[in-house]
């Protein structure tokens, strides 16, 4: 969604509200530069516009991946060419954690040890998957693609329902252009 308008998603997949932050926003530009420094020598020529998302009681985002099964096309007007890209890295930052529930669940990732910080993670009785609790000021970073550019199904994740309160987060996605090297190329 663009220009401060509100969007509510299909309840079968996602029930939340989101907004895109304009690229001209000073804070968005600063965050984009920070993301590039975090990614180091991994290709990070661009990010998508930042997305702010809010989950109220009962709202969630069912199991999904952030990468696209079919790469996206982007036209470079100055060169009159089209380039294909996909989402290389995802960052989800928690901006407000005034809620119960709302964990980000990665069912295919290894669970954490019982000695880990229970304020950040939740252990499930089944011992399967990684559950990250909403914690204001913290963020999750993961790579969406294998080294060959194909999508990694292990990073499928879900935003679990909020039981009470609300969860506000921020999505930042870096673009990987398929016509460039993923690692080591100058940016």
C-alpha atoms as a PDB file:
ATOM      1  CA  UNK A   1       0.000   0.000   0.000  1.00  0.00           C
ATOM      2  CA  UNK A   2       1.289   3.458  -0.827  1.00  0.00           C
ATOM      3  CA  UNK A   3       0.891   7.044   0.380  1.00  0.00           C
ATOM      4  CA  UNK A   4      -0.460   6.567   3.900  1.00  0.00           C
ATOM      5  CA  UNK A   5      -3.619   4.719   2.883  1.00  0.00           C
ATOM      6  CA  UNK A   6      -4.877   1.770   4.903  1.00  0.00           C
ATOM      7  CA  UNK A   7      -5.127  -1.754   3.521  1.00  0.00           C
ATOM      8  CA  UNK A   8      -6.781  -4.754   5.147  1.00  0.00           C
ATOM      9  CA  UNK A   9      -5.733  -8.109   3.682  1.00  0.00           C
ATOM     10  CA  UNK A  10      -7.789 -11.178   2.772  1.00  0.00           C
ATOM     11  CA  UNK A  11      -8.743 -12.866   6.065  1.00  0.00           C
ATOM     12  CA  UNK A  12      -7.888 -16.299   4.640  1.00  0.00           C
ATOM     13  CA  UNK A  13      -4.207 -15.368   4.403  1.00  0.00           C
ATOM     14  CA  UNK A  14      -3.516 -12.186   6.319  1.00  0.00           C
ATOM     15  CA  UNK A  15      -5.650 -10.094   8.629  1.00  0.00           C
ATOM     16  CA  UNK A  16      -3.773  -6.927   9.461  1.00  0.00           C
ATOM     17  CA  UNK A  17      -3.296  -3.357   8.332  1.00  0.00           C
ATOM     18  CA  UNK A  18      -0.208  -2.036   6.586  1.00  0.00           C
ATOM     19  CA  UNK A  19       1.272   1.089   5.051  1.00  0.00           C
ATOM     20  CA  UNK A  20       4.323   1.755   2.887  1.00  0.00           C
ATOM     21  CA  UNK A  21       6.708   4.489   3.996  1.00  0.00           C
ATOM     22  CA  UNK A  22       7.599   6.853   1.119  1.00  0.00           C
ATOM     23  CA  UNK A  23      11.226   6.509  -0.031  1.00  0.00           C
ATOM     24  CA  UNK A  24      11.669  10.280   0.378  1.00  0.00           C
ATOM     25  CA  UNK A  25      11.125   9.942   4.140  1.00  0.00           C
ATOM     26  CA  UNK A  26      14.369  10.790   5.986  1.00  0.00           C
ATOM     27  CA  UNK A  27      14.005   7.920   8.464  1.00  0.00           C
ATOM     28  CA  UNK A  28      13.309   5.439   5.643  1.00  0.00           C
ATOM     29  CA  UNK A  29      16.450   6.582   3.798  1.00  0.00           C
ATOM     30  CA  UNK A  30      18.513   6.174   6.979  1.00  0.00           C
ATOM     31  CA  UNK A  31      17.110   2.674   7.584  1.00  0.00           C
ATOM     32  CA  UNK A  32      17.887   1.665   3.999  1.00  0.00           C
ATOM     33  CA  UNK A  33      21.531   2.670   4.508  1.00  0.00           C
ATOM     34  CA  UNK A  34      21.696   0.735   7.793  1.00  0.00           C
ATOM     35  CA  UNK A  35      20.304  -2.366   6.093  1.00  0.00           C
ATOM     36  CA  UNK A  36      22.969  -2.101   3.402  1.00  0.00           C
ATOM     37  CA  UNK A  37      25.699  -1.936   6.048  1.00  0.00           C
ATOM     38  CA  UNK A  38      24.261  -4.968   7.856  1.00  0.00           C
ATOM     39  CA  UNK A  39      24.216  -7.030   4.648  1.00  0.00           C
ATOM     40  CA  UNK A  40      27.927  -6.395   4.041  1.00  0.00           C
ATOM     41  CA  UNK A  41      29.196  -7.995   0.837  1.00  0.00           C
ATOM     42  CA  UNK A  42      25.870  -9.629  -0.034  1.00  0.00           C
ATOM     43  CA  UNK A  43      24.222  -7.904  -2.995  1.00  0.00           C
ATOM     44  CA  UNK A  44      22.023  -5.093  -1.726  1.00  0.00           C
ATOM     45  CA  UNK A  45      21.719  -2.468  -4.426  1.00  0.00           C
ATOM     46  CA  UNK A  46      18.150  -1.660  -3.400  1.00  0.00           C
ATOM     47  CA  UNK A  47      15.451  -2.292  -0.865  1.00  0.00           C
ATOM     48  CA  UNK A  48      11.715  -2.206  -1.359  1.00  0.00           C
ATOM     49  CA  UNK A  49       9.808   0.631   0.316  1.00  0.00           C
ATOM     50  CA  UNK A  50       9.533  -0.033   4.052  1.00  0.00           C
ATOM     51  CA  UNK A  51       6.231  -1.514   5.177  1.00  0.00           C
ATOM     52  CA  UNK A  52       4.688  -0.825   8.600  1.00  0.00           C
ATOM     53  CA  UNK A  53       2.198  -3.468   9.717  1.00  0.00           C
ATOM     54  CA  UNK A  54      -0.240  -3.552  12.646  1.00  0.00           C
ATOM     55  CA  UNK A  55      -1.929  -6.629  14.111  1.00  0.00           C
ATOM     56  CA  UNK A  56      -4.900  -6.234  16.471  1.00  0.00           C
ATOM     57  CA  UNK A  57      -6.569  -8.979  18.563  1.00  0.00           C
ATOM     58  CA  UNK A  58      -7.147 -12.114  16.486  1.00  0.00           C
ATOM     59  CA  UNK A  59      -5.190 -10.848  13.491  1.00  0.00           C
ATOM     60  CA  UNK A  60      -2.401 -12.941  11.982  1.00  0.00           C
ATOM     61  CA  UNK A  61      -0.504 -13.810   8.799  1.00  0.00           C
ATOM     62  CA  UNK A  62      -0.689 -17.468   7.808  1.00  0.00           C
ATOM     63  CA  UNK A  63       2.372 -19.494   6.825  1.00  0.00           C
ATOM     64  CA  UNK A  64       4.135 -17.872   3.855  1.00  0.00           C
ATOM     65  CA  UNK A  65       7.510 -17.077   2.331  1.00  0.00           C
ATOM     66  CA  UNK A  66       8.729 -13.561   1.529  1.00  0.00           C
ATOM     67  CA  UNK A  67      10.451 -14.517  -1.740  1.00  0.00           C
ATOM     68  CA  UNK A  68       8.570 -14.765  -5.020  1.00  0.00           C
ATOM     69  CA  UNK A  69       8.106 -18.105  -6.786  1.00  0.00           C
ATOM     70  CA  UNK A  70       8.398 -16.176 -10.063  1.00  0.00           C
ATOM     71  CA  UNK A  71      11.007 -13.385 -10.026  1.00  0.00           C
ATOM     72  CA  UNK A  72       9.659  -9.860 -10.382  1.00  0.00           C
ATOM     73  CA  UNK A  73      10.469  -7.562 -13.303  1.00  0.00           C
ATOM     74  CA  UNK A  74      11.739  -4.023 -12.910  1.00  0.00           C
ATOM     75  CA  UNK A  75      12.168  -1.668 -15.842  1.00  0.00           C
ATOM     76  CA  UNK A  76      15.205   0.604 -15.837  1.00  0.00           C
ATOM     77  CA  UNK A  77      13.874   3.554 -17.831  1.00  0.00           C
ATOM     78  CA  UNK A  78      17.246   5.239 -18.336  1.00  0.00           C
ATOM     79  CA  UNK A  79      18.605   2.081 -20.012  1.00  0.00           C
ATOM     80  CA  UNK A  80      15.320   0.891 -21.539  1.00  0.00           C
ATOM     81  CA  UNK A  81      15.854  -2.588 -20.089  1.00  0.00           C
ATOM     82  CA  UNK A  82      14.059  -4.960 -17.752  1.00  0.00           C
ATOM     83  CA  UNK A  83      15.818  -6.733 -14.885  1.00  0.00           C
ATOM     84  CA  UNK A  84      14.526  -9.628 -12.803  1.00  0.00           C
ATOM     85  CA  UNK A  85      14.783  -9.597  -9.018  1.00  0.00           C
ATOM     86  CA  UNK A  86      13.679 -11.422  -5.906  1.00  0.00           C
ATOM     87  CA  UNK A  87      13.734 -10.722  -2.175  1.00  0.00           C
ATOM     88  CA  UNK A  88      17.134 -11.727  -0.833  1.00  0.00           C
ATOM     89  CA  UNK A  89      16.925 -10.703   2.824  1.00  0.00           C
ATOM     90  CA  UNK A  90      14.016  -9.937   5.133  1.00  0.00           C
ATOM     91  CA  UNK A  91      14.113  -7.888   8.289  1.00  0.00           C
ATOM     92  CA  UNK A  92      11.118  -7.747  10.606  1.00  0.00           C
ATOM     93  CA  UNK A  93      11.554  -5.218  13.419  1.00  0.00           C
ATOM     94  CA  UNK A  94       9.162  -5.008  16.351  1.00  0.00           C
ATOM     95  CA  UNK A  95       8.050  -1.413  16.945  1.00  0.00           C
ATOM     96  CA  UNK A  96       5.408  -2.099  19.615  1.00  0.00           C
ATOM     97  CA  UNK A  97       4.994  -5.202  21.756  1.00  0.00           C
ATOM     98  CA  UNK A  98       1.948  -4.308  23.843  1.00  0.00           C
ATOM     99  CA  UNK A  99       0.424  -7.721  23.215  1.00  0.00           C
ATOM    100  CA  UNK A 100       0.083 -11.320  24.240  1.00  0.00           C
ATOM    101  CA  UNK A 101       0.686 -13.777  21.409  1.00  0.00           C
ATOM    102  CA  UNK A 102       1.674 -12.580  17.966  1.00  0.00           C
ATOM    103  CA  UNK A 103       4.906 -14.582  17.795  1.00  0.00           C
ATOM    104  CA  UNK A 104       6.679 -15.035  14.470  1.00  0.00           C
ATOM    105  CA  UNK A 105       6.819 -18.794  13.910  1.00  0.00           C
ATOM    106  CA  UNK A 106       9.333 -20.538  11.633  1.00  0.00           C
ATOM    107  CA  UNK A 107       8.142 -24.193  11.679  1.00  0.00           C
ATOM    108  CA  UNK A 108      11.082 -25.557   9.639  1.00  0.00           C
ATOM    109  CA  UNK A 109      13.857 -23.955  11.704  1.00  0.00           C
ATOM    110  CA  UNK A 110      15.440 -25.619  14.709  1.00  0.00           C
ATOM    111  CA  UNK A 111      13.917 -24.641  18.044  1.00  0.00           C
ATOM    112  CA  UNK A 112      15.960 -22.763  20.580  1.00  0.00           C
ATOM    113  CA  UNK A 113      17.543 -24.300  23.642  1.00  0.00           C
ATOM    114  CA  UNK A 114      15.615 -24.281  26.915  1.00  0.00           C
ATOM    115  CA  UNK A 115      18.391 -22.068  28.316  1.00  0.00           C
ATOM    116  CA  UNK A 116      17.655 -19.213  25.863  1.00  0.00           C
ATOM    117  CA  UNK A 117      15.977 -15.963  26.916  1.00  0.00           C
ATOM    118  CA  UNK A 118      12.274 -16.724  27.416  1.00  0.00           C
ATOM    119  CA  UNK A 119      11.462 -13.022  26.952  1.00  0.00           C
ATOM    120  CA  UNK A 120      12.542 -13.332  23.291  1.00  0.00           C
ATOM    121  CA  UNK A 121      11.662 -16.921  22.392  1.00  0.00           C
ATOM    122  CA  UNK A 122       8.965 -19.449  23.210  1.00  0.00           C
ATOM    123  CA  UNK A 123       9.483 -23.175  23.452  1.00  0.00           C
ATOM    124  CA  UNK A 124       6.646 -25.336  22.194  1.00  0.00           C
ATOM    125  CA  UNK A 125       5.867 -28.700  23.737  1.00  0.00           C
ATOM    126  CA  UNK A 126       6.301 -30.438  20.383  1.00  0.00           C
ATOM    127  CA  UNK A 127       9.898 -29.185  20.177  1.00  0.00           C
ATOM    128  CA  UNK A 128       9.375 -28.148  16.541  1.00  0.00           C
ATOM    129  CA  UNK A 129      10.085 -24.794  15.002  1.00  0.00           C
ATOM    130  CA  UNK A 130      11.347 -21.427  16.177  1.00  0.00           C
ATOM    131  CA  UNK A 131       8.955 -19.001  17.912  1.00  0.00           C
ATOM    132  CA  UNK A 132      10.138 -15.387  18.190  1.00  0.00           C
ATOM    133  CA  UNK A 133       8.171 -13.236  20.626  1.00  0.00           C
ATOM    134  CA  UNK A 134       7.342  -9.620  19.788  1.00  0.00           C
ATOM    135  CA  UNK A 135       9.821  -7.456  21.672  1.00  0.00           C
ATOM    136  CA  UNK A 136       9.928  -3.725  21.018  1.00  0.00           C
ATOM    137  CA  UNK A 137      13.313  -2.670  19.666  1.00  0.00           C
ATOM    138  CA  UNK A 138      14.359  -6.131  18.479  1.00  0.00           C
ATOM    139  CA  UNK A 139      14.430  -7.477  14.931  1.00  0.00           C
ATOM    140  CA  UNK A 140      14.704 -10.740  13.019  1.00  0.00           C
ATOM    141  CA  UNK A 141      16.916 -11.000   9.918  1.00  0.00           C
ATOM    142  CA  UNK A 142      16.934 -13.952   7.527  1.00  0.00           C
ATOM    143  CA  UNK A 143      18.025 -14.815   3.987  1.00  0.00           C
ATOM    144  CA  UNK A 144      15.220 -15.904   1.673  1.00  0.00           C
ATOM    145  CA  UNK A 145      17.291 -17.403  -1.134  1.00  0.00           C
ATOM    146  CA  UNK A 146      19.878 -20.130  -1.590  1.00  0.00           C
ATOM    147  CA  UNK A 147      23.252 -19.165  -3.099  1.00  0.00           C
ATOM    148  CA  UNK A 148      21.948 -20.150  -6.559  1.00  0.00           C
ATOM    149  CA  UNK A 149      19.052 -17.653  -6.260  1.00  0.00           C
ATOM    150  CA  UNK A 150      16.302 -20.214  -5.657  1.00  0.00           C
ATOM    151  CA  UNK A 151      13.860 -19.737  -2.774  1.00  0.00           C
ATOM    152  CA  UNK A 152      14.529 -21.365   0.604  1.00  0.00           C
ATOM    153  CA  UNK A 153      11.396 -23.071   1.938  1.00  0.00           C
ATOM    154  CA  UNK A 154      12.988 -23.447   5.383  1.00  0.00           C
ATOM    155  CA  UNK A 155      12.269 -19.759   6.067  1.00  0.00           C
ATOM    156  CA  UNK A 156       8.514 -20.132   5.646  1.00  0.00           C
ATOM    157  CA  UNK A 157       6.995 -18.302   8.604  1.00  0.00           C
ATOM    158  CA  UNK A 158       3.725 -17.124  10.101  1.00  0.00           C
ATOM    159  CA  UNK A 159       2.659 -14.207  12.239  1.00  0.00           C
ATOM    160  CA  UNK A 160       0.620 -15.971  14.927  1.00  0.00           C
ATOM    161  CA  UNK A 161      -2.632 -14.397  16.168  1.00  0.00           C
ATOM    162  CA  UNK A 162      -2.467 -11.631  18.751  1.00  0.00           C
ATOM    163  CA  UNK A 163      -4.444 -12.747  21.846  1.00  0.00           C
ATOM    164  CA  UNK A 164      -4.667  -9.308  23.449  1.00  0.00           C
ATOM    165  CA  UNK A 165      -3.284  -5.852  22.748  1.00  0.00           C
ATOM    166  CA  UNK A 166      -1.589  -5.054  19.446  1.00  0.00           C
ATOM    167  CA  UNK A 167       1.656  -5.765  17.617  1.00  0.00           C
ATOM    168  CA  UNK A 168       3.289  -3.239  15.298  1.00  0.00           C
ATOM    169  CA  UNK A 169       6.225  -4.193  13.119  1.00  0.00           C
ATOM    170  CA  UNK A 170       8.285  -3.029  10.192  1.00  0.00           C
ATOM    171  CA  UNK A 171       9.217  -5.099   7.126  1.00  0.00           C
ATOM    172  CA  UNK A 172      12.345  -4.299   5.132  1.00  0.00           C
ATOM    173  CA  UNK A 173      13.182  -6.430   2.089  1.00  0.00           C
ATOM    174  CA  UNK A 174      16.406  -6.233   0.080  1.00  0.00           C
ATOM    175  CA  UNK A 175      16.354  -6.939  -3.640  1.00  0.00           C
ATOM    176  CA  UNK A 176      18.593  -9.455  -5.394  1.00  0.00           C
ATOM    177  CA  UNK A 177      18.963  -8.787  -9.124  1.00  0.00           C
ATOM    178  CA  UNK A 178      19.382 -12.088 -10.938  1.00  0.00           C
ATOM    179  CA  UNK A 179      21.805 -10.622 -13.493  1.00  0.00           C
ATOM    180  CA  UNK A 180      24.420  -9.926 -10.787  1.00  0.00           C
ATOM    181  CA  UNK A 181      26.462 -12.050  -8.395  1.00  0.00           C
ATOM    182  CA  UNK A 182      24.839 -12.613  -5.020  1.00  0.00           C
ATOM    183  CA  UNK A 183      28.045 -12.303  -2.993  1.00  0.00           C
ATOM    184  CA  UNK A 184      31.231 -10.321  -3.440  1.00  0.00           C
ATOM    185  CA  UNK A 185      30.320  -8.011  -6.313  1.00  0.00           C
ATOM    186  CA  UNK A 186      30.819  -4.272  -5.798  1.00  0.00           C
ATOM    187  CA  UNK A 187      27.592  -2.427  -5.058  1.00  0.00           C
END
